[in-house]
Amino acid sequence: MKFRLPNKFSQTPAMMLRRSGYLKIQDRISGKTSYVRKLTAHHYPRFHLYLKEASDETIFDLHLDQAKTRHAGQTAHNADYETPEVEEELTRIYLAIEKFKI
């Protein structure tokens, strides 16, 4: 699930996510940077978020990873994109970063 925000904040998107409980991770194979918030002491389930920054806005792309890929060489995984849990998490992030608006 995606949402867009104009770049009118006193903090960077990465810093706002960190203050919202997210950790920065880097995929060892692709090199892509993303952010996760674990829901338990285990690696999964977790919220997984990608940022795409443009000059005038930032796009937040969030899903809920339920489990790791089980087959070598596959990138598909068990994830939820349009669920009430994902919507609630997007709302939580939005409310947390509202205080950083300029």
PDB file of N, CA and C in Angstrom:
ATOM      1  N   MET A   1       0.848  -1.155   0.000  1.00  0.00           N
ATOM      2  CA  MET A   1       0.000   0.000   0.000  1.00  0.00           C
ATOM      3  C   MET A   1       0.904   1.232   0.000  1.00  0.00           C
ATOM      4  N   LYS A   2       0.555   2.202  -0.820  1.00  0.00           N
ATOM      5  CA  LYS A   2       1.386   3.392  -0.965  1.00  0.00           C
ATOM      6  C   LYS A   2       0.665   4.639  -0.477  1.00  0.00           C
ATOM      7  N   PHE A   3       1.473   5.588   0.022  1.00  0.00           N
ATOM      8  CA  PHE A   3       0.962   6.934   0.226  1.00  0.00           C
ATOM      9  C   PHE A   3       2.077   7.918  -0.056  1.00  0.00           C
ATOM     10  N   ARG A   4       1.671   9.124  -0.453  1.00  0.00           N
ATOM     11  CA  ARG A   4       2.615  10.163  -0.857  1.00  0.00           C
ATOM     12  C   ARG A   4       2.504  11.343   0.089  1.00  0.00           C
ATOM     13  N   LEU A   5       3.659  11.933   0.382  1.00  0.00           N
ATOM     14  CA  LEU A   5       3.686  13.137   1.197  1.00  0.00           C
ATOM     15  C   LEU A   5       4.597  14.159   0.542  1.00  0.00           C
ATOM     16  N   PRO A   6       4.203  15.435   0.571  1.00  0.00           N
ATOM     17  CA  PRO A   6       5.097  16.468   0.049  1.00  0.00           C
ATOM     18  C   PRO A   6       6.331  16.577   0.947  1.00  0.00           C
ATOM     19  N   ASN A   7       7.446  16.980   0.358  1.00  0.00           N
ATOM     20  CA  ASN A   7       8.696  17.104   1.119  1.00  0.00           C
ATOM     21  C   ASN A   7       8.713  18.424   1.885  1.00  0.00           C
ATOM     22  N   LYS A   8       7.903  18.494   2.921  1.00  0.00           N
ATOM     23  CA  LYS A   8       7.816  19.704   3.742  1.00  0.00           C
ATOM     24  C   LYS A   8       7.922  19.322   5.212  1.00  0.00           C
ATOM     25  N   PHE A   9       9.060  18.703   5.551  1.00  0.00           N
ATOM     26  CA  PHE A   9       9.280  18.236   6.910  1.00  0.00           C
ATOM     27  C   PHE A   9      10.633  18.720   7.408  1.00  0.00           C
ATOM     28  N   SER A  10      10.751  18.835   8.721  1.00  0.00           N
ATOM     29  CA  SER A  10      12.001  19.285   9.327  1.00  0.00           C
ATOM     30  C   SER A  10      13.025  18.153   9.452  1.00  0.00           C
ATOM     31  N   GLN A  11      12.598  16.913   9.230  1.00  0.00           N
ATOM     32  CA  GLN A  11      13.475  15.744   9.307  1.00  0.00           C
ATOM     33  C   GLN A  11      13.441  15.003   7.968  1.00  0.00           C
ATOM     34  N   THR A  12      14.463  14.203   7.716  1.00  0.00           N
ATOM     35  CA  THR A  12      14.453  13.375   6.512  1.00  0.00           C
ATOM     36  C   THR A  12      13.445  12.237   6.700  1.00  0.00           C
ATOM     37  N   PRO A  13      12.919  11.680   5.608  1.00  0.00           N
ATOM     38  CA  PRO A  13      12.012  10.532   5.741  1.00  0.00           C
ATOM     39  C   PRO A  13      12.638   9.385   6.531  1.00  0.00           C
ATOM     40  N   ALA A  14      13.908   9.119   6.304  1.00  0.00           N
ATOM     41  CA  ALA A  14      14.582   8.029   7.021  1.00  0.00           C
ATOM     42  C   ALA A  14      14.600   8.285   8.526  1.00  0.00           C
ATOM     43  N   MET A  15      14.865   9.517   8.932  1.00  0.00           N
ATOM     44  CA  MET A  15      14.895   9.850  10.360  1.00  0.00           C
ATOM     45  C   MET A  15      13.495   9.751  10.966  1.00  0.00           C
ATOM     46  N   MET A  16      12.489  10.185  10.231  1.00  0.00           N
ATOM     47  CA  MET A  16      11.116  10.095  10.735  1.00  0.00           C
ATOM     48  C   MET A  16      10.705   8.638  10.919  1.00  0.00           C
ATOM     49  N   LEU A  17      11.105   7.776   9.987  1.00  0.00           N
ATOM     50  CA  LEU A  17      10.793   6.349  10.123  1.00  0.00           C
ATOM     51  C   LEU A  17      11.508   5.749  11.323  1.00  0.00           C
ATOM     52  N   ARG A  18      12.739   6.143  11.512  1.00  0.00           N
ATOM     53  CA  ARG A  18      13.498   5.641  12.660  1.00  0.00           C
ATOM     54  C   ARG A  18      12.803   6.024  13.965  1.00  0.00           C
ATOM     55  N   ARG A  19      12.305   7.232  14.022  1.00  0.00           N
ATOM     56  CA  ARG A  19      11.596   7.695  15.221  1.00  0.00           C
ATOM     57  C   ARG A  19      10.221   7.041  15.349  1.00  0.00           C
ATOM     58  N   SER A  20       9.771   6.402  14.283  1.00  0.00           N
ATOM     59  CA  SER A  20       8.498   5.667  14.304  1.00  0.00           C
ATOM     60  C   SER A  20       8.700   4.182  14.584  1.00  0.00           C
ATOM     61  N   GLY A  21       9.941   3.788  14.910  1.00  0.00           N
ATOM     62  CA  GLY A  21      10.210   2.404  15.281  1.00  0.00           C
ATOM     63  C   GLY A  21      10.752   1.528  14.172  1.00  0.00           C
ATOM     64  N   TYR A  22      11.141   2.115  13.050  1.00  0.00           N
ATOM     65  CA  TYR A  22      11.647   1.337  11.920  1.00  0.00           C
ATOM     66  C   TYR A  22      13.168   1.287  11.929  1.00  0.00           C
ATOM     67  N   LEU A  23      13.695   0.162  11.459  1.00  0.00           N
ATOM     68  CA  LEU A  23      15.130  -0.030  11.310  1.00  0.00           C
ATOM     69  C   LEU A  23      15.477  -0.068   9.831  1.00  0.00           C
ATOM     70  N   LYS A  24      16.588   0.536   9.482  1.00  0.00           N
ATOM     71  CA  LYS A  24      17.066   0.527   8.101  1.00  0.00           C
ATOM     72  C   LYS A  24      17.753  -0.802   7.826  1.00  0.00           C
ATOM     73  N   ILE A  25      17.415  -1.413   6.678  1.00  0.00           N
ATOM     74  CA  ILE A  25      18.090  -2.645   6.262  1.00  0.00           C
ATOM     75  C   ILE A  25      18.533  -2.494   4.811  1.00  0.00           C
ATOM     76  N   GLN A  26      19.501  -3.278   4.422  1.00  0.00           N
ATOM     77  CA  GLN A  26      19.979  -3.268   3.046  1.00  0.00           C
ATOM     78  C   GLN A  26      20.018  -4.698   2.534  1.00  0.00           C
ATOM     79  N   ASP A  27      19.354  -4.922   1.406  1.00  0.00           N
ATOM     80  CA  ASP A  27      19.337  -6.247   0.793  1.00  0.00           C
ATOM     81  C   ASP A  27      20.742  -6.592   0.309  1.00  0.00           C
ATOM     82  N   ARG A  28      21.238  -7.724   0.743  1.00  0.00           N
ATOM     83  CA  ARG A  28      22.602  -8.132   0.389  1.00  0.00           C
ATOM     84  C   ARG A  28      22.774  -8.428  -1.093  1.00  0.00           C
ATOM     85  N   ILE A  29      21.704  -8.816  -1.752  1.00  0.00           N
ATOM     86  CA  ILE A  29      21.804  -9.175  -3.169  1.00  0.00           C
ATOM     87  C   ILE A  29      21.565  -7.966  -4.068  1.00  0.00           C
ATOM     88  N   SER A  30      20.441  -7.282  -3.865  1.00  0.00           N
ATOM     89  CA  SER A  30      20.086  -6.162  -4.747  1.00  0.00           C
ATOM     90  C   SER A  30      20.724  -4.846  -4.321  1.00  0.00           C
ATOM     91  N   GLY A  31      21.091  -4.738  -3.048  1.00  0.00           N
ATOM     92  CA  GLY A  31      21.646  -3.488  -2.543  1.00  0.00           C
ATOM     93  C   GLY A  31      20.589  -2.454  -2.187  1.00  0.00           C
ATOM     94  N   LYS A  32      19.305  -2.797  -2.355  1.00  0.00           N
ATOM     95  CA  LYS A  32      18.221  -1.858  -2.061  1.00  0.00           C
ATOM     96  C   LYS A  32      18.104  -1.612  -0.560  1.00  0.00           C
ATOM     97  N   THR A  33      17.854  -0.352  -0.226  1.00  0.00           N
ATOM     98  CA  THR A  33      17.618   0.031   1.156  1.00  0.00           C
ATOM     99  C   THR A  33      16.122   0.041   1.418  1.00  0.00           C
ATOM    100  N   SER A  34      15.730  -0.467   2.573  1.00  0.00           N
ATOM    101  CA  SER A  34      14.330  -0.429   2.988  1.00  0.00           C
ATOM    102  C   SER A  34      14.301  -0.338   4.508  1.00  0.00           C
ATOM    103  N   TYR A  35      13.101  -0.353   5.064  1.00  0.00           N
ATOM    104  CA  TYR A  35      12.919  -0.176   6.502  1.00  0.00           C
ATOM    105  C   TYR A  35      11.943  -1.222   7.014  1.00  0.00           C
ATOM    106  N   VAL A  36      12.200  -1.744   8.207  1.00  0.00           N
ATOM    107  CA  VAL A  36      11.322  -2.759   8.785  1.00  0.00           C
ATOM    108  C   VAL A  36      10.987  -2.410  10.234  1.00  0.00           C
ATOM    109  N   ARG A  37       9.801  -2.859  10.636  1.00  0.00           N
ATOM    110  CA  ARG A  37       9.398  -2.797  12.046  1.00  0.00           C
ATOM    111  C   ARG A  37       8.893  -4.177  12.416  1.00  0.00           C
ATOM    112  N   LYS A  38       9.647  -4.844  13.284  1.00  0.00           N
ATOM    113  CA  LYS A  38       9.279  -6.200  13.700  1.00  0.00           C
ATOM    114  C   LYS A  38       8.085  -6.150  14.642  1.00  0.00           C
ATOM    115  N   LEU A  39       7.232  -7.156  14.542  1.00  0.00           N
ATOM    116  CA  LEU A  39       6.042  -7.233  15.384  1.00  0.00           C
ATOM    117  C   LEU A  39       6.213  -8.181  16.558  1.00  0.00           C
ATOM    118  N   THR A  40       7.242  -9.017  16.486  1.00  0.00           N
ATOM    119  CA  THR A  40       7.548  -9.963  17.558  1.00  0.00           C
ATOM    120  C   THR A  40       9.064  -9.992  17.742  1.00  0.00           C
ATOM    121  N   ALA A  41       9.529 -10.824  18.634  1.00  0.00           N
ATOM    122  CA  ALA A  41      10.972 -10.982  18.831  1.00  0.00           C
ATOM    123  C   ALA A  41      11.615 -11.736  17.668  1.00  0.00           C
ATOM    124  N   HIS A  42      10.797 -12.380  16.844  1.00  0.00           N
ATOM    125  CA  HIS A  42      11.291 -13.138  15.695  1.00  0.00           C
ATOM    126  C   HIS A  42      11.443 -12.228  14.480  1.00  0.00           C
ATOM    127  N   HIS A  43      12.067 -12.751  13.445  1.00  0.00           N
ATOM    128  CA  HIS A  43      12.299 -11.975  12.228  1.00  0.00           C
ATOM    129  C   HIS A  43      10.992 -11.646  11.497  1.00  0.00           C
ATOM    130  N   TYR A  44      10.029 -12.541  11.550  1.00  0.00           N
ATOM    131  CA  TYR A  44       8.718 -12.369  10.905  1.00  0.00           C
ATOM    132  C   TYR A  44       7.629 -12.648  11.916  1.00  0.00           C
ATOM    133  N   PRO A  45       6.478 -12.045  11.785  1.00  0.00           N
ATOM    134  CA  PRO A  45       6.051 -11.068  10.789  1.00  0.00           C
ATOM    135  C   PRO A  45       6.666  -9.695  11.066  1.00  0.00           C
ATOM    136  N   ARG A  46       6.686  -8.859  10.024  1.00  0.00           N
ATOM    137  CA  ARG A  46       7.238  -7.515  10.149  1.00  0.00           C
ATOM    138  C   ARG A  46       6.632  -6.616   9.085  1.00  0.00           C
ATOM    139  N   PHE A  47       6.522  -5.344   9.401  1.00  0.00           N
ATOM    140  CA  PHE A  47       6.157  -4.362   8.397  1.00  0.00           C
ATOM    141  C   PHE A  47       7.417  -4.024   7.625  1.00  0.00           C
ATOM    142  N   HIS A  48       7.288  -3.905   6.316  1.00  0.00           N
ATOM    143  CA  HIS A  48       8.422  -3.665   5.432  1.00  0.00           C
ATOM    144  C   HIS A  48       8.067  -2.492   4.532  1.00  0.00           C
ATOM    145  N   LEU A  49       8.907  -1.472   4.552  1.00  0.00           N
ATOM    146  CA  LEU A  49       8.592  -0.230   3.858  1.00  0.00           C
ATOM    147  C   LEU A  49       9.738   0.197   2.948  1.00  0.00           C
ATOM    148  N   TYR A  50       9.385   0.603   1.731  1.00  0.00           N
ATOM    149  CA  TYR A  50      10.335   1.181   0.789  1.00  0.00           C
ATOM    150  C   TYR A  50      10.016   2.656   0.629  1.00  0.00           C
ATOM    151  N   LEU A  51      11.045   3.476   0.521  1.00  0.00           N
ATOM    152  CA  LEU A  51      10.885   4.904   0.261  1.00  0.00           C
ATOM    153  C   LEU A  51      11.347   5.213  -1.145  1.00  0.00           C
ATOM    154  N   LYS A  52      10.611   6.078  -1.807  1.00  0.00           N
ATOM    155  CA  LYS A  52      11.059   6.610  -3.088  1.00  0.00           C
ATOM    156  C   LYS A  52      10.979   8.124  -2.963  1.00  0.00           C
ATOM    157  N   GLU A  53      12.139   8.757  -2.966  1.00  0.00           N
ATOM    158  CA  GLU A  53      12.193  10.199  -2.774  1.00  0.00           C
ATOM    159  C   GLU A  53      12.351  10.911  -4.106  1.00  0.00           C
ATOM    160  N   ALA A  54      11.501  11.899  -4.327  1.00  0.00           N
ATOM    161  CA  ALA A  54      11.582  12.771  -5.493  1.00  0.00           C
ATOM    162  C   ALA A  54      11.851  14.183  -4.981  1.00  0.00           C
ATOM    163  N   SER A  55      11.991  15.133  -5.892  1.00  0.00           N
ATOM    164  CA  SER A  55      12.312  16.494  -5.470  1.00  0.00           C
ATOM    165  C   SER A  55      11.181  17.144  -4.685  1.00  0.00           C
ATOM    166  N   ASP A  56       9.937  16.787  -4.986  1.00  0.00           N
ATOM    167  CA  ASP A  56       8.805  17.456  -4.343  1.00  0.00           C
ATOM    168  C   ASP A  56       7.978  16.563  -3.423  1.00  0.00           C
ATOM    169  N   GLU A  57       8.225  15.250  -3.425  1.00  0.00           N
ATOM    170  CA  GLU A  57       7.435  14.353  -2.585  1.00  0.00           C
ATOM    171  C   GLU A  57       8.212  13.083  -2.259  1.00  0.00           C
ATOM    172  N   THR A  58       7.704  12.370  -1.255  1.00  0.00           N
ATOM    173  CA  THR A  58       8.242  11.061  -0.889  1.00  0.00           C
ATOM    174  C   THR A  58       7.108  10.055  -0.953  1.00  0.00           C
ATOM    175  N   ILE A  59       7.366   8.915  -1.581  1.00  0.00           N
ATOM    176  CA  ILE A  59       6.373   7.847  -1.678  1.00  0.00           C
ATOM    177  C   ILE A  59       6.758   6.755  -0.687  1.00  0.00           C
ATOM    178  N   PHE A  60       5.815   6.410   0.178  1.00  0.00           N
ATOM    179  CA  PHE A  60       5.981   5.348   1.159  1.00  0.00           C
ATOM    180  C   PHE A  60       5.242   4.125   0.625  1.00  0.00           C
ATOM    181  N   ASP A  61       5.934   3.007   0.482  1.00  0.00           N
ATOM    182  CA  ASP A  61       5.344   1.774  -0.046  1.00  0.00           C
ATOM    183  C   ASP A  61       5.484   0.689   1.027  1.00  0.00           C
ATOM    184  N   LEU A  62       4.362   0.334   1.650  1.00  0.00           N
ATOM    185  CA  LEU A  62       4.371  -0.536   2.821  1.00  0.00           C
ATOM    186  C   LEU A  62       3.637  -1.844   2.571  1.00  0.00           C
ATOM    187  N   HIS A  63       4.167  -2.920   3.123  1.00  0.00           N
ATOM    188  CA  HIS A  63       3.458  -4.200   3.158  1.00  0.00           C
ATOM    189  C   HIS A  63       3.840  -4.934   4.441  1.00  0.00           C
ATOM    190  N   LEU A  64       3.114  -5.985   4.724  1.00  0.00           N
ATOM    191  CA  LEU A  64       3.351  -6.805   5.913  1.00  0.00           C
ATOM    192  C   LEU A  64       3.922  -8.141   5.466  1.00  0.00           C
ATOM    193  N   ASP A  65       5.192  -8.377   5.779  1.00  0.00           N
ATOM    194  CA  ASP A  65       5.829  -9.668   5.483  1.00  0.00           C
ATOM    195  C   ASP A  65       5.382 -10.670   6.535  1.00  0.00           C
ATOM    196  N   GLN A  66       4.780 -11.764   6.077  1.00  0.00           N
ATOM    197  CA  GLN A  66       4.336 -12.802   7.006  1.00  0.00           C
ATOM    198  C   GLN A  66       5.412 -13.861   7.238  1.00  0.00           C
ATOM    199  N   ALA A  67       6.177 -14.166   6.186  1.00  0.00           N
ATOM    200  CA  ALA A  67       7.205 -15.204   6.283  1.00  0.00           C
ATOM    201  C   ALA A  67       8.247 -14.992   5.198  1.00  0.00           C
ATOM    202  N   LYS A  68       9.418 -15.532   5.417  1.00  0.00           N
ATOM    203  CA  LYS A  68      10.506 -15.443   4.454  1.00  0.00           C
ATOM    204  C   LYS A  68      10.251 -16.387   3.284  1.00  0.00           C
ATOM    205  N   THR A  69      10.833 -16.050   2.134  1.00  0.00           N
ATOM    206  CA  THR A  69      10.778 -16.928   0.973  1.00  0.00           C
ATOM    207  C   THR A  69      11.356 -18.288   1.339  1.00  0.00           C
ATOM    208  N   ARG A  70      10.695 -19.342   0.915  1.00  0.00           N
ATOM    209  CA  ARG A  70      11.139 -20.686   1.299  1.00  0.00           C
ATOM    210  C   ARG A  70      11.941 -21.396   0.212  1.00  0.00           C
ATOM    211  N   HIS A  71      11.945 -20.854  -0.997  1.00  0.00           N
ATOM    212  CA  HIS A  71      12.635 -21.520  -2.098  1.00  0.00           C
ATOM    213  C   HIS A  71      13.793 -20.665  -2.581  1.00  0.00           C
ATOM    214  N   ALA A  72      14.957 -21.243  -2.686  1.00  0.00           N
ATOM    215  CA  ALA A  72      16.139 -20.522  -3.131  1.00  0.00           C
ATOM    216  C   ALA A  72      15.932 -19.958  -4.528  1.00  0.00           C
ATOM    217  N   GLY A  73      16.393 -18.739  -4.720  1.00  0.00           N
ATOM    218  CA  GLY A  73      16.305 -18.114  -6.032  1.00  0.00           C
ATOM    219  C   GLY A  73      15.001 -17.396  -6.306  1.00  0.00           C
ATOM    220  N   GLN A  74      14.030 -17.481  -5.420  1.00  0.00           N
ATOM    221  CA  GLN A  74      12.760 -16.789  -5.620  1.00  0.00           C
ATOM    222  C   GLN A  74      12.730 -15.510  -4.805  1.00  0.00           C
ATOM    223  N   THR A  75      12.100 -14.467  -5.380  1.00  0.00           N
ATOM    224  CA  THR A  75      11.966 -13.215  -4.653  1.00  0.00           C
ATOM    225  C   THR A  75      10.575 -13.053  -4.077  1.00  0.00           C
ATOM    226  N   ALA A  76       9.621 -13.846  -4.547  1.00  0.00           N
ATOM    227  CA  ALA A  76       8.255 -13.752  -4.032  1.00  0.00           C
ATOM    228  C   ALA A  76       8.226 -14.218  -2.582  1.00  0.00           C
ATOM    229  N   HIS A  77       7.325 -13.608  -1.819  1.00  0.00           N
ATOM    230  CA  HIS A  77       7.207 -13.983  -0.421  1.00  0.00           C
ATOM    231  C   HIS A  77       5.759 -13.840   0.020  1.00  0.00           C
ATOM    232  N   ASN A  78       5.480 -14.303   1.204  1.00  0.00           N
ATOM    233  CA  ASN A  78       4.139 -14.250   1.754  1.00  0.00           C
ATOM    234  C   ASN A  78       3.943 -12.883   2.402  1.00  0.00           C
ATOM    235  N   ALA A  79       3.272 -11.967   1.690  1.00  0.00           N
ATOM    236  CA  ALA A  79       3.100 -10.605   2.189  1.00  0.00           C
ATOM    237  C   ALA A  79       1.678 -10.124   1.964  1.00  0.00           C
ATOM    238  N   ASP A  80       1.246  -9.222   2.846  1.00  0.00           N
ATOM    239  CA  ASP A  80      -0.064  -8.586   2.728  1.00  0.00           C
ATOM    240  C   ASP A  80       0.147  -7.125   2.345  1.00  0.00           C
ATOM    241  N   TYR A  81      -0.614  -6.666   1.348  1.00  0.00           N
ATOM    242  CA  TYR A  81      -0.461  -5.298   0.861  1.00  0.00           C
ATOM    243  C   TYR A  81      -1.670  -4.419   1.155  1.00  0.00           C
ATOM    244  N   GLU A  82      -2.858  -4.948   1.077  1.00  0.00           N
ATOM    245  CA  GLU A  82      -4.086  -4.159   1.225  1.00  0.00           C
ATOM    246  C   GLU A  82      -4.956  -4.736   2.338  1.00  0.00           C
ATOM    247  N   THR A  83      -4.447  -4.749   3.540  1.00  0.00           N
ATOM    248  CA  THR A  83      -5.193  -5.309   4.666  1.00  0.00           C
ATOM    249  C   THR A  83      -5.436  -4.226   5.712  1.00  0.00           C
ATOM    250  N   PRO A  84      -6.372  -4.454   6.625  1.00  0.00           N
ATOM    251  CA  PRO A  84      -6.596  -3.479   7.698  1.00  0.00           C
ATOM    252  C   PRO A  84      -5.333  -3.216   8.530  1.00  0.00           C
ATOM    253  N   GLU A  85      -4.504  -4.243   8.736  1.00  0.00           N
ATOM    254  CA  GLU A  85      -3.272  -4.062   9.507  1.00  0.00           C
ATOM    255  C   GLU A  85      -2.317  -3.101   8.810  1.00  0.00           C
ATOM    256  N   VAL A  86      -2.204  -3.227   7.497  1.00  0.00           N
ATOM    257  CA  VAL A  86      -1.325  -2.336   6.741  1.00  0.00           C
ATOM    258  C   VAL A  86      -1.890  -0.917   6.762  1.00  0.00           C
ATOM    259  N   GLU A  87      -3.196  -0.780   6.602  1.00  0.00           N
ATOM    260  CA  GLU A  87      -3.830   0.541   6.675  1.00  0.00           C
ATOM    261  C   GLU A  87      -3.604   1.181   8.039  1.00  0.00           C
ATOM    262  N   GLU A  88      -3.758   0.414   9.104  1.00  0.00           N
ATOM    263  CA  GLU A  88      -3.540   0.933  10.459  1.00  0.00           C
ATOM    264  C   GLU A  88      -2.096   1.379  10.654  1.00  0.00           C
ATOM    265  N   GLU A  89      -1.157   0.618  10.108  1.00  0.00           N
ATOM    266  CA  GLU A  89       0.252   0.982  10.244  1.00  0.00           C
ATOM    267  C   GLU A  89       0.561   2.245   9.458  1.00  0.00           C
ATOM    268  N   LEU A  90       0.005   2.393   8.273  1.00  0.00           N
ATOM    269  CA  LEU A  90       0.208   3.627   7.514  1.00  0.00           C
ATOM    270  C   LEU A  90      -0.344   4.820   8.280  1.00  0.00           C
ATOM    271  N   THR A  91      -1.490   4.656   8.888  1.00  0.00           N
ATOM    272  CA  THR A  91      -2.071   5.730   9.697  1.00  0.00           C
ATOM    273  C   THR A  91      -1.165   6.051  10.880  1.00  0.00           C
ATOM    274  N   ARG A  92      -0.633   5.029  11.534  1.00  0.00           N
ATOM    275  CA  ARG A  92       0.275   5.239  12.664  1.00  0.00           C
ATOM    276  C   ARG A  92       1.521   6.016  12.237  1.00  0.00           C
ATOM    277  N   ILE A  93       2.097   5.640  11.085  1.00  0.00           N
ATOM    278  CA  ILE A  93       3.277   6.342  10.571  1.00  0.00           C
ATOM    279  C   ILE A  93       2.923   7.791  10.265  1.00  0.00           C
ATOM    280  N   TYR A  94       1.810   7.981   9.568  1.00  0.00           N
ATOM    281  CA  TYR A  94       1.389   9.325   9.186  1.00  0.00           C
ATOM    282  C   TYR A  94       1.229  10.212  10.423  1.00  0.00           C
ATOM    283  N   LEU A  95       0.563   9.717  11.445  1.00  0.00           N
ATOM    284  CA  LEU A  95       0.360  10.502  12.668  1.00  0.00           C
ATOM    285  C   LEU A  95       1.682  10.781  13.384  1.00  0.00           C
ATOM    286  N   ALA A  96       2.603   9.827  13.342  1.00  0.00           N
ATOM    287  CA  ALA A  96       3.901  10.003  13.994  1.00  0.00           C
ATOM    288  C   ALA A  96       4.753  11.061  13.300  1.00  0.00           C
ATOM    289  N   ILE A  97       4.654  11.155  11.977  1.00  0.00           N
ATOM    290  CA  ILE A  97       5.505  12.114  11.267  1.00  0.00           C
ATOM    291  C   ILE A  97       4.841  13.477  11.072  1.00  0.00           C
ATOM    292  N   GLU A  98       3.559  13.579  11.386  1.00  0.00           N
ATOM    293  CA  GLU A  98       2.846  14.857  11.290  1.00  0.00           C
ATOM    294  C   GLU A  98       3.543  15.952  12.091  1.00  0.00           C
ATOM    295  N   LYS A  99       4.116  15.600  13.239  1.00  0.00           N
ATOM    296  CA  LYS A  99       4.742  16.603  14.103  1.00  0.00           C
ATOM    297  C   LYS A  99       6.009  17.199  13.497  1.00  0.00           C
ATOM    298  N   PHE A 100       6.507  16.609  12.408  1.00  0.00           N
ATOM    299  CA  PHE A 100       7.710  17.117  11.757  1.00  0.00           C
ATOM    300  C   PHE A 100       7.399  18.031  10.572  1.00  0.00           C
ATOM    301  N   LYS A 101       6.121  18.339  10.356  1.00  0.00           N
ATOM    302  CA  LYS A 101       5.747  19.229   9.253  1.00  0.00           C
ATOM    303  C   LYS A 101       6.310  20.624   9.488  1.00  0.00           C
ATOM    304  N   ILE A 102       6.730  21.244   8.398  1.00  0.00           N
ATOM    305  CA  ILE A 102       7.226  22.626   8.467  1.00  0.00           C
ATOM    306  C   ILE A 102       6.050  23.566   8.331  1.00  0.00           C
TER     307      ILE A 102
END
